């Protein structure tokens, strides 16, 4: 089994993202922060409505339903409990990320 390790720089937060958007689009920092917030809010609303997101080249976020199942506590394997069904999300990278990530 392979072990996953984090590579690259630390993750970009919302403030960093807004600063990059402001720089690239020639917006004020406040306007870029509002645009990033609006986009995040819109994406969140779509996912909560159980709609997926497709951003060509970047990737796709799919809404998946994890079915109910039986689970066990590894420390007490004789105890079986019900794990309820829940909604999950799956990110599939697009072509730009696949090409850029092949190092």
N, C-alpha and C. Protein backbone atom coordinates (compact mmCIF):
# COMPACT_ATOMS: atom_id res chain seq x y z
N UNK A 1 0.85 -1.17 0.00
CA UNK A 1 0.00 0.00 0.00
C UNK A 1 0.90 1.23 0.00
N UNK A 2 0.62 2.17 -0.89
CA UNK A 2 1.43 3.38 -0.96
C UNK A 2 0.94 4.41 0.07
N UNK A 3 1.88 5.18 0.55
CA UNK A 3 1.57 6.21 1.53
C UNK A 3 1.47 7.55 0.83
N UNK A 4 0.43 8.33 1.12
CA UNK A 4 0.26 9.65 0.52
C UNK A 4 1.01 10.67 1.35
N UNK A 5 1.73 11.54 0.66
CA UNK A 5 2.43 12.62 1.33
C UNK A 5 2.04 13.93 0.68
N UNK A 6 1.99 14.98 1.47
CA UNK A 6 1.64 16.29 0.94
C UNK A 6 2.84 16.84 0.19
N UNK A 7 2.59 17.38 -0.97
CA UNK A 7 3.68 17.97 -1.74
C UNK A 7 3.34 19.43 -2.05
N UNK A 8 4.34 20.20 -2.30
CA UNK A 8 4.12 21.59 -2.67
C UNK A 8 3.99 22.51 -1.47
N UNK A 9 3.42 23.64 -1.73
CA UNK A 9 3.27 24.70 -0.73
C UNK A 9 2.04 24.45 0.14
N UNK A 10 1.91 25.18 1.26
CA UNK A 10 0.69 25.04 2.08
C UNK A 10 -0.55 25.44 1.28
N UNK A 11 -1.71 24.98 1.67
CA UNK A 11 -2.93 25.29 0.93
C UNK A 11 -3.22 26.79 0.90
N UNK A 12 -3.88 27.20 -0.18
CA UNK A 12 -4.27 28.60 -0.35
C UNK A 12 -5.61 28.82 0.35
N UNK A 13 -5.71 29.86 1.16
CA UNK A 13 -6.97 30.15 1.83
C UNK A 13 -7.77 31.18 1.01
N UNK A 14 -8.94 31.53 1.52
CA UNK A 14 -9.83 32.43 0.80
C UNK A 14 -9.20 33.80 0.56
N UNK A 15 -8.49 34.30 1.55
CA UNK A 15 -7.84 35.61 1.42
C UNK A 15 -6.75 35.58 0.33
N UNK A 16 -5.96 34.51 0.32
CA UNK A 16 -4.93 34.37 -0.71
C UNK A 16 -5.54 34.26 -2.11
N UNK A 17 -6.62 33.50 -2.19
CA UNK A 17 -7.31 33.34 -3.47
C UNK A 17 -7.86 34.68 -3.97
N UNK A 18 -8.46 35.45 -3.08
CA UNK A 18 -9.00 36.77 -3.45
C UNK A 18 -7.89 37.70 -3.91
N UNK A 19 -6.72 37.63 -3.26
CA UNK A 19 -5.59 38.48 -3.67
C UNK A 19 -5.12 38.11 -5.06
N UNK A 20 -5.08 36.82 -5.38
CA UNK A 20 -4.67 36.38 -6.73
C UNK A 20 -5.69 36.80 -7.78
N UNK A 21 -6.97 36.67 -7.45
CA UNK A 21 -8.03 37.09 -8.37
C UNK A 21 -7.93 38.58 -8.63
N UNK A 22 -7.71 39.36 -7.60
CA UNK A 22 -7.57 40.81 -7.74
C UNK A 22 -6.41 41.15 -8.67
N UNK A 23 -5.31 40.46 -8.49
CA UNK A 23 -4.12 40.71 -9.30
C UNK A 23 -4.35 40.35 -10.77
N UNK A 24 -4.93 39.19 -11.02
CA UNK A 24 -5.12 38.73 -12.39
C UNK A 24 -6.22 39.48 -13.13
N UNK A 25 -7.29 39.83 -12.42
CA UNK A 25 -8.43 40.46 -13.08
C UNK A 25 -8.40 41.98 -12.99
N UNK A 26 -7.41 42.52 -12.29
CA UNK A 26 -7.33 43.97 -12.17
C UNK A 26 -8.45 44.55 -11.32
N UNK A 27 -8.86 43.82 -10.30
CA UNK A 27 -9.93 44.27 -9.40
C UNK A 27 -9.32 44.80 -8.12
N UNK A 28 -10.13 45.52 -7.37
CA UNK A 28 -9.70 45.91 -6.03
C UNK A 28 -9.76 44.67 -5.15
N UNK A 29 -9.04 44.71 -4.03
CA UNK A 29 -9.04 43.56 -3.12
C UNK A 29 -10.45 43.27 -2.61
N UNK A 30 -11.21 44.32 -2.33
CA UNK A 30 -12.58 44.16 -1.82
C UNK A 30 -13.49 43.52 -2.87
N UNK A 31 -13.38 43.99 -4.12
CA UNK A 31 -14.22 43.44 -5.20
C UNK A 31 -13.86 41.98 -5.45
N UNK A 32 -12.58 41.65 -5.41
CA UNK A 32 -12.16 40.27 -5.61
C UNK A 32 -12.65 39.38 -4.46
N UNK A 33 -12.56 39.88 -3.23
CA UNK A 33 -13.05 39.12 -2.08
C UNK A 33 -14.54 38.86 -2.20
N UNK A 34 -15.29 39.86 -2.66
CA UNK A 34 -16.74 39.68 -2.87
C UNK A 34 -17.02 38.65 -3.96
N UNK A 35 -16.22 38.69 -5.03
CA UNK A 35 -16.40 37.74 -6.14
C UNK A 35 -16.10 36.31 -5.67
N UNK A 36 -15.03 36.14 -4.92
CA UNK A 36 -14.68 34.80 -4.42
C UNK A 36 -15.77 34.31 -3.46
N UNK A 37 -16.25 35.16 -2.58
CA UNK A 37 -17.32 34.77 -1.65
C UNK A 37 -18.59 34.39 -2.40
N UNK A 38 -18.93 35.16 -3.42
CA UNK A 38 -20.13 34.86 -4.21
C UNK A 38 -19.99 33.52 -4.92
N UNK A 39 -18.80 33.24 -5.44
CA UNK A 39 -18.60 31.98 -6.14
C UNK A 39 -18.67 30.80 -5.17
N UNK A 40 -18.02 30.93 -4.02
CA UNK A 40 -18.06 29.85 -3.02
C UNK A 40 -19.49 29.63 -2.53
N UNK A 41 -20.23 30.70 -2.28
CA UNK A 41 -21.62 30.58 -1.83
C UNK A 41 -22.48 29.90 -2.89
N UNK A 42 -22.29 30.27 -4.15
CA UNK A 42 -23.06 29.68 -5.24
C UNK A 42 -22.74 28.20 -5.40
N UNK A 43 -21.46 27.86 -5.31
CA UNK A 43 -21.07 26.45 -5.41
C UNK A 43 -21.63 25.64 -4.24
N UNK A 44 -21.58 26.20 -3.05
CA UNK A 44 -22.13 25.53 -1.87
C UNK A 44 -23.63 25.31 -2.02
N UNK A 45 -24.34 26.33 -2.47
CA UNK A 45 -25.79 26.20 -2.67
C UNK A 45 -26.10 25.09 -3.67
N UNK A 46 -25.35 25.03 -4.77
CA UNK A 46 -25.58 24.01 -5.78
C UNK A 46 -25.36 22.61 -5.21
N UNK A 47 -24.30 22.44 -4.44
CA UNK A 47 -24.02 21.13 -3.85
C UNK A 47 -25.06 20.74 -2.81
N UNK A 48 -25.54 21.72 -2.03
CA UNK A 48 -26.58 21.42 -1.05
C UNK A 48 -27.91 21.07 -1.72
N UNK A 49 -28.11 21.56 -2.95
CA UNK A 49 -29.30 21.20 -3.73
C UNK A 49 -29.11 19.86 -4.42
N UNK A 50 -27.99 19.18 -4.12
CA UNK A 50 -27.64 17.88 -4.71
C UNK A 50 -27.38 17.99 -6.21
N UNK A 51 -26.85 19.14 -6.63
CA UNK A 51 -26.43 19.32 -8.02
C UNK A 51 -24.91 19.27 -8.05
N UNK A 52 -24.37 18.60 -9.03
CA UNK A 52 -22.92 18.56 -9.17
C UNK A 52 -22.41 19.85 -9.80
N UNK A 53 -21.10 19.99 -9.83
CA UNK A 53 -20.47 21.13 -10.46
C UNK A 53 -19.51 20.64 -11.52
N UNK A 54 -19.48 21.30 -12.65
CA UNK A 54 -18.56 20.95 -13.72
C UNK A 54 -17.87 22.22 -14.19
N UNK A 55 -16.58 22.30 -13.92
CA UNK A 55 -15.77 23.42 -14.38
C UNK A 55 -14.78 22.84 -15.38
N UNK A 56 -15.08 22.99 -16.66
CA UNK A 56 -14.27 22.37 -17.72
C UNK A 56 -12.79 22.70 -17.56
N UNK A 57 -11.98 21.69 -17.66
CA UNK A 57 -10.55 21.85 -17.52
C UNK A 57 -10.08 21.74 -16.08
N UNK A 58 -10.85 22.29 -15.13
CA UNK A 58 -10.47 22.25 -13.72
C UNK A 58 -10.89 20.94 -13.07
N UNK A 59 -12.18 20.61 -13.17
CA UNK A 59 -12.64 19.37 -12.57
C UNK A 59 -14.14 19.35 -12.36
N UNK A 60 -14.60 18.23 -11.85
CA UNK A 60 -16.01 18.00 -11.60
C UNK A 60 -16.19 17.56 -10.16
N UNK A 61 -17.20 18.11 -9.50
CA UNK A 61 -17.58 17.65 -8.17
C UNK A 61 -18.92 16.96 -8.32
N UNK A 62 -18.94 15.68 -8.00
CA UNK A 62 -20.17 14.89 -8.11
C UNK A 62 -20.76 14.68 -6.72
N UNK A 63 -22.08 14.68 -6.66
CA UNK A 63 -22.79 14.35 -5.42
C UNK A 63 -23.08 12.86 -5.47
N UNK A 64 -22.63 12.13 -4.46
CA UNK A 64 -22.83 10.69 -4.41
C UNK A 64 -23.58 10.32 -3.13
N UNK A 65 -24.36 9.27 -3.21
CA UNK A 65 -25.10 8.79 -2.05
C UNK A 65 -24.41 7.55 -1.52
N UNK A 66 -23.93 7.61 -0.29
CA UNK A 66 -23.35 6.44 0.35
C UNK A 66 -24.47 5.69 1.05
N UNK A 67 -24.69 4.45 0.65
CA UNK A 67 -25.80 3.67 1.19
C UNK A 67 -25.55 3.30 2.65
N UNK A 68 -26.64 3.02 3.33
CA UNK A 68 -26.55 2.55 4.72
C UNK A 68 -25.84 1.20 4.72
N UNK A 69 -25.09 0.96 5.78
CA UNK A 69 -24.36 -0.31 5.88
C UNK A 69 -24.17 -0.67 7.35
N UNK A 70 -23.66 -1.87 7.54
CA UNK A 70 -23.35 -2.31 8.89
C UNK A 70 -21.88 -2.06 9.14
N UNK A 71 -21.55 -1.59 10.34
CA UNK A 71 -20.17 -1.33 10.69
C UNK A 71 -19.77 -2.08 11.94
N UNK A 72 -18.47 -2.17 12.15
CA UNK A 72 -17.93 -2.83 13.34
C UNK A 72 -16.87 -1.95 13.96
N UNK A 73 -16.79 -1.99 15.28
CA UNK A 73 -15.73 -1.34 16.01
C UNK A 73 -14.54 -2.31 16.02
N UNK A 74 -13.39 -1.92 15.45
CA UNK A 74 -12.26 -2.85 15.41
C UNK A 74 -11.82 -3.34 16.78
N UNK A 75 -12.05 -2.54 17.82
CA UNK A 75 -11.66 -2.96 19.17
C UNK A 75 -12.65 -3.93 19.79
N UNK A 76 -13.88 -3.91 19.29
CA UNK A 76 -14.92 -4.83 19.77
C UNK A 76 -15.63 -5.42 18.55
N UNK A 77 -14.97 -6.34 17.83
CA UNK A 77 -15.51 -6.82 16.56
C UNK A 77 -16.85 -7.55 16.66
N UNK A 78 -17.23 -7.98 17.86
CA UNK A 78 -18.51 -8.67 18.00
C UNK A 78 -19.68 -7.69 18.00
N UNK A 79 -19.43 -6.40 18.17
CA UNK A 79 -20.49 -5.40 18.16
C UNK A 79 -20.70 -4.89 16.73
N UNK A 80 -21.91 -5.02 16.25
CA UNK A 80 -22.28 -4.54 14.92
C UNK A 80 -23.24 -3.37 15.11
N UNK A 81 -23.01 -2.30 14.38
CA UNK A 81 -23.90 -1.14 14.48
C UNK A 81 -24.24 -0.64 13.08
N UNK A 82 -25.32 0.10 13.00
CA UNK A 82 -25.79 0.61 11.71
C UNK A 82 -25.12 1.95 11.40
N UNK A 83 -24.56 2.04 10.20
CA UNK A 83 -24.01 3.29 9.70
C UNK A 83 -25.06 3.85 8.75
N UNK A 84 -25.62 5.03 9.04
CA UNK A 84 -26.71 5.55 8.21
C UNK A 84 -26.22 5.98 6.82
N UNK A 85 -27.16 6.03 5.90
CA UNK A 85 -26.87 6.54 4.56
C UNK A 85 -26.55 8.02 4.67
N UNK A 86 -25.67 8.49 3.80
CA UNK A 86 -25.33 9.91 3.82
C UNK A 86 -24.91 10.37 2.44
N UNK A 87 -24.92 11.66 2.26
CA UNK A 87 -24.50 12.25 1.00
C UNK A 87 -23.01 12.56 1.09
N UNK A 88 -22.30 12.27 0.03
CA UNK A 88 -20.87 12.55 -0.04
C UNK A 88 -20.57 13.29 -1.34
N UNK A 89 -19.33 13.70 -1.47
CA UNK A 89 -18.91 14.45 -2.65
C UNK A 89 -17.62 13.85 -3.18
N UNK A 90 -17.51 13.78 -4.49
CA UNK A 90 -16.32 13.22 -5.12
C UNK A 90 -15.79 14.23 -6.13
N UNK A 91 -14.49 14.55 -6.01
CA UNK A 91 -13.85 15.46 -6.94
C UNK A 91 -13.07 14.66 -7.96
N UNK A 92 -13.31 14.95 -9.23
CA UNK A 92 -12.58 14.32 -10.33
C UNK A 92 -11.81 15.42 -11.05
N UNK A 93 -10.47 15.39 -11.02
CA UNK A 93 -9.70 16.45 -11.65
C UNK A 93 -9.91 16.50 -13.15
N UNK A 94 -9.89 17.71 -13.70
CA UNK A 94 -10.03 17.91 -15.14
C UNK A 94 -8.68 17.83 -15.84
N UNK A 95 -8.72 18.06 -17.14
CA UNK A 95 -7.52 17.89 -17.97
C UNK A 95 -6.40 18.83 -17.59
N UNK A 96 -6.71 20.08 -17.22
CA UNK A 96 -5.65 21.03 -16.85
C UNK A 96 -4.91 20.57 -15.61
N UNK A 97 -5.62 20.03 -14.63
CA UNK A 97 -4.96 19.54 -13.42
C UNK A 97 -4.20 18.23 -13.67
N UNK A 98 -4.77 17.37 -14.51
CA UNK A 98 -4.10 16.11 -14.81
C UNK A 98 -2.78 16.36 -15.54
N UNK A 99 -2.80 17.28 -16.49
CA UNK A 99 -1.58 17.58 -17.25
C UNK A 99 -0.55 18.30 -16.38
N UNK A 100 -1.00 19.22 -15.54
CA UNK A 100 -0.10 19.98 -14.69
C UNK A 100 0.42 19.19 -13.52
N UNK A 101 -0.27 18.14 -13.11
CA UNK A 101 0.13 17.38 -11.94
C UNK A 101 1.05 16.22 -12.26
N UNK A 102 1.30 15.96 -13.53
CA UNK A 102 2.16 14.84 -13.90
C UNK A 102 3.62 15.28 -13.89
N UNK A 103 4.26 15.13 -12.73
CA UNK A 103 5.67 15.53 -12.61
C UNK A 103 6.55 14.33 -12.44
